[in-house]
Amino acid sequence: MNSGKTIFAQLIQHLPRYEFNQCVFRYHGNHKVRSFSCTDQFLCMAFAQLTYRESLRDIVTCLNSHRAKLYHMGFRGKIAKSTLADANELRDFRIYQDFGYLLIDIASKLYQNEELGIDLKLSVFALDSTVIDLCLSTFPWATFRKKKAAVKIHTLLNVQGSIPTFIFVTPGSAHDVNIMDAVPFEADSVYTMDRAYLDFERLYHINQLSAFFVIRSKHNTRLRRIHSASVDKAIGVQADQTVLLVGYKSRMAYPDPLRRVRYHDAERDKRLVFLTNNFLLPAKTVADIYRSRWQVELFFKWIKQHLRIKTFFGTSPNAVKTQIWTAVSVYLLVAIVKKRLNLPGSLHTILQILEVNLFEKTPISQLVNETINHEIESRDDNQLNLFM
């Protein structure tokens, strides 16, 4: 059992150590390293994410204050500020990127049977990006605007379980649509995107892969209606049409017919127009697929609020990408542990419980269950009895 193991050690034991060592070996991460290994570096960065540390000095001070427990938490080398800073600057971030994709594969399998909330047998993925503002004088490589620096985190999210399946970090000046060339699109899957990704040549590539897309149309997109299907306006669908592109360049890029669905969102009193290459799904389902794109926005909001990715411990591209990938790995680790231990509550709640108990020696499942049950009981005790 977990008797005598700290919460941090219990979390880390869910990581595949052999696969991590393979990633390290692939990029020579421990070449000529005497004491502070890539494992020590990853554990330091994971601890910083779990406890929301402010700086390298903050990380080192907190860990060294529990020096007697570090060996049993998995640390083997001496932890020093300069050593950790050098590791983040010099050790290839691809070690942690490849390891992150291994965790993505594990988490995706655990969440593959999650309810999608849409009557659909196909997998649904949402593609979007988020911008993290930086100081131009400190991060001159992160080009964005004339007097501003930033990085973009481009993410393809599996809506089923909110698990990221593809992440790419670029300077803020990189255009969203260009990332579509790097996204690993799969057949028999649906990809939903905002209108920033409206590029008909790239959309036709998705179509040729036997995959589907649902994307919001731009106001100036020129289309010619070929056929109109009957719709039920009571559910918000205003039009369901088969169309062809009119512009010469657009028609050359996407010569096949498209489906245009006009939908009225009653909650926001907003009219939306979607384009898709799927002609079999009900029009309302097409609108619901686009609505599921909100999951990727929630993912960005979650990691920005609860993980350390808005301020960075290093200034080089390698250090920034290392920190982002360790943050993603921590998100995936919490998701994996939640599923494996069948923990109640949201990822946010579980992280809150874990981050203030990392050095406790209580089984994770017991700690989370007792905390959530106590919270529910306390909430019930505060309710007035109307029949007293």
Foldseek 3Di string as FASTA:
>chain_A
DLFPAFLLLVLVVPQDPVVLVVLCVVQVQCPVPDFCGVQNLLSLLLLCFLQVADALVRSLVVCVVPVVCVVSSPHTGRRDSVVSQCSLVPGFLVSLVVSLLVLLVLLCVLQVPADLVFPDPAWEKEKDKDKFWDACVLAVVLDADPGTWIKMWIFIFGLRLRRTNDIDIHRNNDQRLVCLVVDDAAARHEYEYEQSNPDLLSQVVNVVRNYKYKYFDDPPFAKDFDDWDDDDCVLFWDTWTWIAGDDPVNCVSHVDIWIWIWGQDPVVRDITIIIMRDPPDPSVSSVVSNVSSCSVVVVVVVLVVRTPLNDFRHRDPSSNSSSVSSSSVSLSSLSSCCSVLVADDDSVLLSVQCNVRRRPSDPSNVSRVVVVVVVVVVVVVPDDDPVD
